[in-house]
Every structure is written in C-alpha cells, then in structure tokens.
C-alpha cells in the first residue's frame, strides 16, 4: 500500500481550487487523483482551513495515544485480576 501522497495543507488547497470553479476533469488530471478521492477529501476536509486541519491532526494523534494508554492499563488490570484470583 502506498503512503500518503498529499498533506492536509495540499488537500485543502486542491479543494479550494475545486470550489473556485476549476473544471473537475482538469483538476483531477492536474493532480493525478480520482473522483472518489476528491469526494472523500471533501467529506473529511470540506470547509476546513489549514490551521483547523493541523489542529484536527494533533487531536487525532492525542486520541490514538490515549487509546493506547487505556488499552495498556486494561491489560495490566486484567493481569492483576488473574494473579489475585489464583489460590496460593
């Protein structure tokens, strides 16, 4: 699977070109993207400014970090329960 080709800032720039009235076929050809990609980007980044996209990326990173921390704590908790439940 290929990595990301465009940053959030570039995606927002492409979406602004589409909103400005550039013909869709020309826009897709110019940037080498498919129509489905453009619509997916519109759903995720439509109406966002660059600063909002950066903030959203930071929140997503923090959210994933917190989810990992919760998973680790739940695993530790389960291990402790298993150890405590055994009769010595």
Protein backbone atom coordinates (compact mmCIF):
# COMPACT_ATOMS: atom_id res chain seq x y z
CA UNK A 1 0.00 0.00 0.00
CA UNK A 2 1.34 3.42 -0.93
CA UNK A 3 1.88 6.06 1.68
CA UNK A 4 0.11 9.39 1.74
CA UNK A 5 0.86 11.46 -1.30
CA UNK A 6 -0.63 14.77 -0.21
CA UNK A 7 -0.50 16.64 3.09
CA UNK A 8 -3.61 18.12 4.65
CA UNK A 9 -2.48 21.56 3.52
CA UNK A 10 -2.17 20.40 -0.07
CA UNK A 11 -5.55 18.67 0.06
CA UNK A 12 -7.21 21.85 1.33
CA UNK A 13 -5.54 23.78 -1.49
CA UNK A 14 -6.90 21.32 -4.06
CA UNK A 15 -10.38 21.58 -2.57
CA UNK A 16 -10.19 25.38 -2.72
CA UNK A 17 -9.31 25.09 -6.43
CA UNK A 18 -12.41 22.95 -6.93
CA UNK A 19 -14.56 25.49 -5.05
CA UNK A 20 -13.12 28.30 -7.16
CA UNK A 21 -14.74 26.79 -10.21
CA UNK A 22 -11.94 24.86 -11.90
CA UNK A 23 -13.44 22.16 -14.14
CA UNK A 24 -13.49 18.86 -12.29
CA UNK A 25 -11.86 16.83 -15.07
CA UNK A 26 -8.99 19.32 -15.34
CA UNK A 27 -8.49 19.36 -11.58
CA UNK A 28 -8.39 15.58 -11.33
CA UNK A 29 -5.96 15.29 -14.24
CA UNK A 30 -3.72 18.08 -12.93
CA UNK A 31 -3.28 16.49 -9.51
CA UNK A 32 -3.48 12.84 -10.58
CA UNK A 33 -6.34 11.88 -8.30
CA UNK A 34 -9.59 10.02 -8.85
CA UNK A 35 -13.06 11.39 -8.48
CA UNK A 36 -13.65 9.14 -5.46
CA UNK A 37 -10.58 10.54 -3.77
CA UNK A 38 -11.80 14.07 -4.30
CA UNK A 39 -15.22 13.27 -2.82
CA UNK A 40 -13.63 11.50 0.15
CA UNK A 41 -11.43 14.55 0.75
CA UNK A 42 -14.49 16.83 0.52
CA UNK A 43 -16.24 14.74 3.17
CA UNK A 44 -13.26 14.87 5.52
CA UNK A 45 -11.71 18.29 4.85
CA UNK A 46 -14.52 20.26 3.24
CA UNK A 47 -14.81 23.74 4.75
CA UNK A 48 -11.63 23.44 6.84
CA UNK A 49 -8.83 25.95 6.94
CA UNK A 50 -5.20 24.91 7.19
CA UNK A 51 -4.97 25.79 10.88
CA UNK A 52 -8.07 23.71 11.61
CA UNK A 53 -6.59 20.75 9.74
CA UNK A 54 -3.38 20.98 11.78
CA UNK A 55 -5.43 21.10 14.99
CA UNK A 56 -7.50 18.12 13.85
CA UNK A 57 -4.31 16.11 13.11
CA UNK A 58 -2.95 16.97 16.58
CA UNK A 59 -6.21 15.87 18.20
CA UNK A 60 -6.21 12.60 16.25
CA UNK A 61 -2.64 11.88 17.39
CA UNK A 62 -3.52 12.63 21.00
CA UNK A 63 -6.61 10.46 20.74
CA UNK A 64 -4.63 7.49 19.43
CA UNK A 65 -2.03 7.96 22.18
CA UNK A 66 -4.77 7.98 24.83
CA UNK A 67 -6.41 4.88 23.33
CA UNK A 68 -3.09 3.02 23.54
CA UNK A 69 -2.68 4.12 27.16
CA UNK A 70 -6.16 2.87 28.06
CA UNK A 71 -5.50 -0.45 26.31
CA UNK A 72 -2.25 -0.88 28.26
CA UNK A 73 -3.97 -0.09 31.54
CA UNK A 74 -6.81 -2.51 30.82
CA UNK A 75 -4.30 -5.23 30.04
CA UNK A 76 -2.40 -4.55 33.26
CA UNK A 77 -5.66 -4.59 35.20
CA UNK A 78 -6.67 -7.94 33.69
CA UNK A 79 -3.28 -9.45 34.51
CA UNK A 80 -3.54 -8.28 38.12
CA UNK A 81 -7.05 -9.73 38.42
CA UNK A 82 -5.84 -13.06 37.07
CA UNK A 83 -2.94 -13.14 39.54
CA UNK A 84 -5.15 -12.18 42.50
CA UNK A 85 -7.82 -14.75 41.68
CA UNK A 86 -5.44 -17.73 41.95
CA UNK A 87 -5.37 -19.60 45.25
CA UNK A 88 -1.87 -19.84 46.67
